[in-house]
Amino acid sequence: MVRRSPYSRAARRAARAAENKKAIDIKLYNVSAFSPLAEYYLVATVESSPQADAVADEISDALKD
């Protein structure tokens, strides 16, 4: 049985939230073996500052649930 990190669901939810706001080139990296600071890094491309703000807000809202 594979045990998933309790943060894997939140990381996938954040990636979906970025996609909902039309971010592109979304990459979710599991860095738990390399970083003591984080288990996942989410990297996404946006085309403007307002879009970046919208993506950040959407991710924040998605992770509040």
N, C-alpha and C. Protein backbone atom coordinates (compact mmCIF):
# COMPACT_ATOMS: atom_id res chain seq x y z
N MET A 1 0.84 -1.19 0.00
CA MET A 1 0.00 0.00 0.00
C MET A 1 0.88 1.24 0.00
N VAL A 2 0.61 2.16 -0.91
CA VAL A 2 1.37 3.40 -1.01
C VAL A 2 0.72 4.45 -0.12
N ARG A 3 1.50 5.01 0.77
CA ARG A 3 0.98 6.08 1.63
C ARG A 3 1.28 7.41 0.98
N ARG A 4 0.24 8.20 0.85
CA ARG A 4 0.41 9.55 0.30
C ARG A 4 0.62 10.53 1.42
N SER A 5 1.39 11.52 1.14
CA SER A 5 1.60 12.61 2.08
C SER A 5 0.27 13.31 2.32
N PRO A 6 0.05 13.80 3.52
CA PRO A 6 -1.19 14.55 3.75
C PRO A 6 -1.23 15.84 2.94
N TYR A 7 -0.11 16.23 2.40
CA TYR A 7 -0.05 17.46 1.61
C TYR A 7 -0.24 17.23 0.12
N SER A 8 -0.25 15.99 -0.32
CA SER A 8 -0.37 15.74 -1.75
C SER A 8 -1.73 16.20 -2.28
N ARG A 9 -2.78 15.99 -1.51
CA ARG A 9 -4.11 16.44 -1.94
C ARG A 9 -4.15 17.97 -2.04
N ALA A 10 -3.58 18.65 -1.07
CA ALA A 10 -3.55 20.12 -1.10
C ALA A 10 -2.72 20.61 -2.29
N ALA A 11 -1.63 19.95 -2.58
CA ALA A 11 -0.78 20.35 -3.70
C ALA A 11 -1.54 20.21 -5.02
N ARG A 12 -2.26 19.10 -5.18
CA ARG A 12 -3.04 18.90 -6.41
C ARG A 12 -4.18 19.91 -6.50
N ARG A 13 -4.78 20.23 -5.35
CA ARG A 13 -5.86 21.23 -5.33
C ARG A 13 -5.31 22.59 -5.76
N ALA A 14 -4.12 22.93 -5.31
CA ALA A 14 -3.50 24.21 -5.69
C ALA A 14 -3.21 24.23 -7.19
N ALA A 15 -2.74 23.13 -7.73
CA ALA A 15 -2.47 23.07 -9.17
C ALA A 15 -3.75 23.24 -9.98
N ARG A 16 -4.84 22.61 -9.53
CA ARG A 16 -6.12 22.77 -10.23
C ARG A 16 -6.61 24.21 -10.15
N ALA A 17 -6.40 24.85 -9.01
CA ALA A 17 -6.81 26.25 -8.85
C ALA A 17 -6.05 27.14 -9.83
N ALA A 18 -4.76 26.89 -9.99
CA ALA A 18 -3.97 27.67 -10.95
C ALA A 18 -4.49 27.44 -12.37
N GLU A 19 -4.83 26.21 -12.68
CA GLU A 19 -5.37 25.90 -14.00
C GLU A 19 -6.71 26.60 -14.22
N ASN A 20 -7.52 26.70 -13.17
CA ASN A 20 -8.82 27.36 -13.29
C ASN A 20 -8.68 28.83 -13.67
N LYS A 21 -7.57 29.44 -13.31
CA LYS A 21 -7.33 30.85 -13.64
C LYS A 21 -6.42 31.00 -14.85
N LYS A 22 -6.35 29.95 -15.65
CA LYS A 22 -5.67 29.96 -16.95
C LYS A 22 -4.15 30.10 -16.87
N ALA A 23 -3.56 29.66 -15.75
CA ALA A 23 -2.10 29.57 -15.70
C ALA A 23 -1.69 28.47 -16.69
N ILE A 24 -0.49 28.57 -17.21
CA ILE A 24 -0.01 27.58 -18.17
C ILE A 24 1.30 26.98 -17.67
N ASP A 25 1.74 25.92 -18.32
CA ASP A 25 2.98 25.23 -17.96
C ASP A 25 3.03 24.91 -16.47
N ILE A 26 1.95 24.37 -15.95
CA ILE A 26 1.85 24.08 -14.52
C ILE A 26 2.65 22.81 -14.22
N LYS A 27 3.54 22.92 -13.28
CA LYS A 27 4.37 21.79 -12.85
C LYS A 27 4.28 21.68 -11.34
N LEU A 28 4.07 20.47 -10.86
CA LEU A 28 4.02 20.20 -9.44
C LEU A 28 5.15 19.23 -9.13
N TYR A 29 6.10 19.67 -8.33
CA TYR A 29 7.27 18.87 -8.02
C TYR A 29 7.22 18.39 -6.58
N ASN A 30 7.42 17.11 -6.38
CA ASN A 30 7.56 16.56 -5.05
C ASN A 30 9.04 16.68 -4.68
N VAL A 31 9.33 17.56 -3.74
CA VAL A 31 10.72 17.83 -3.35
C VAL A 31 11.01 17.36 -1.92
N SER A 32 10.15 16.52 -1.40
CA SER A 32 10.29 16.10 0.00
C SER A 32 11.62 15.41 0.27
N ALA A 33 12.18 14.75 -0.72
CA ALA A 33 13.46 14.07 -0.54
C ALA A 33 14.64 15.03 -0.58
N PHE A 34 14.41 16.25 -1.04
CA PHE A 34 15.49 17.20 -1.24
C PHE A 34 15.42 18.45 -0.37
N SER A 35 14.24 18.74 0.15
CA SER A 35 14.04 20.01 0.86
C SER A 35 13.45 19.79 2.24
N PRO A 36 14.06 20.38 3.25
CA PRO A 36 13.47 20.32 4.60
C PRO A 36 12.36 21.36 4.77
N LEU A 37 12.19 22.23 3.79
CA LEU A 37 11.23 23.33 3.90
C LEU A 37 9.87 23.01 3.31
N ALA A 38 9.82 22.14 2.33
CA ALA A 38 8.55 21.90 1.63
C ALA A 38 8.51 20.48 1.11
N GLU A 39 7.29 19.98 0.90
CA GLU A 39 7.12 18.68 0.25
C GLU A 39 6.85 18.83 -1.24
N TYR A 40 6.17 19.94 -1.60
CA TYR A 40 5.82 20.18 -3.00
C TYR A 40 6.13 21.62 -3.37
N TYR A 41 6.57 21.80 -4.60
CA TYR A 41 6.69 23.14 -5.20
C TYR A 41 5.77 23.17 -6.40
N LEU A 42 5.02 24.24 -6.50
CA LEU A 42 4.14 24.44 -7.64
C LEU A 42 4.71 25.59 -8.45
N VAL A 43 4.92 25.33 -9.75
CA VAL A 43 5.44 26.34 -10.65
C VAL A 43 4.45 26.49 -11.80
N ALA A 44 4.10 27.73 -12.10
CA ALA A 44 3.15 27.99 -13.19
C ALA A 44 3.51 29.30 -13.86
N THR A 45 3.14 29.42 -15.11
CA THR A 45 3.39 30.63 -15.88
C THR A 45 2.08 31.39 -16.04
N VAL A 46 2.17 32.71 -15.86
CA VAL A 46 1.03 33.60 -16.11
C VAL A 46 1.51 34.70 -17.05
N GLU A 47 0.56 35.42 -17.62
CA GLU A 47 0.91 36.41 -18.63
C GLU A 47 0.87 37.85 -18.15
N SER A 48 0.42 38.08 -16.91
CA SER A 48 0.36 39.45 -16.42
C SER A 48 0.31 39.46 -14.90
N SER A 49 0.60 40.61 -14.33
CA SER A 49 0.52 40.77 -12.88
C SER A 49 -0.89 40.55 -12.35
N PRO A 50 -1.91 41.09 -13.02
CA PRO A 50 -3.27 40.82 -12.53
C PRO A 50 -3.61 39.32 -12.55
N GLN A 51 -3.14 38.62 -13.57
CA GLN A 51 -3.39 37.18 -13.62
C GLN A 51 -2.65 36.48 -12.48
N ALA A 52 -1.44 36.92 -12.18
CA ALA A 52 -0.69 36.33 -11.06
C ALA A 52 -1.45 36.53 -9.76
N ASP A 53 -2.00 37.72 -9.57
CA ASP A 53 -2.79 37.99 -8.37
C ASP A 53 -4.02 37.09 -8.32
N ALA A 54 -4.68 36.91 -9.46
CA ALA A 54 -5.88 36.07 -9.51
C ALA A 54 -5.55 34.61 -9.22
N VAL A 55 -4.44 34.13 -9.75
CA VAL A 55 -4.01 32.76 -9.48
C VAL A 55 -3.69 32.59 -7.99
N ALA A 56 -2.95 33.53 -7.43
CA ALA A 56 -2.61 33.46 -6.00
C ALA A 56 -3.87 33.46 -5.14
N ASP A 57 -4.82 34.31 -5.47
CA ASP A 57 -6.07 34.37 -4.72
C ASP A 57 -6.85 33.06 -4.85
N GLU A 58 -6.89 32.51 -6.05
CA GLU A 58 -7.63 31.26 -6.28
C GLU A 58 -6.99 30.11 -5.51
N ILE A 59 -5.67 30.06 -5.49
CA ILE A 59 -4.97 29.01 -4.73
C ILE A 59 -5.26 29.18 -3.24
N SER A 60 -5.17 30.39 -2.77
CA SER A 60 -5.44 30.66 -1.36
C SER A 60 -6.85 30.22 -0.98
N ASP A 61 -7.81 30.58 -1.81
CA ASP A 61 -9.20 30.18 -1.55
C ASP A 61 -9.37 28.68 -1.57
N ALA A 62 -8.73 28.01 -2.54
CA ALA A 62 -8.85 26.57 -2.67
C ALA A 62 -8.28 25.84 -1.45
N LEU A 63 -7.26 26.39 -0.88
CA LEU A 63 -6.61 25.72 0.26
C LEU A 63 -7.29 26.03 1.59
N LYS A 64 -8.22 26.97 1.60
CA LYS A 64 -8.97 27.26 2.82
C LYS A 64 -10.00 26.19 3.13
N ASP A 65 -10.46 25.50 2.10
CA ASP A 65 -11.50 24.48 2.28
C ASP A 65 -11.02 23.29 3.09
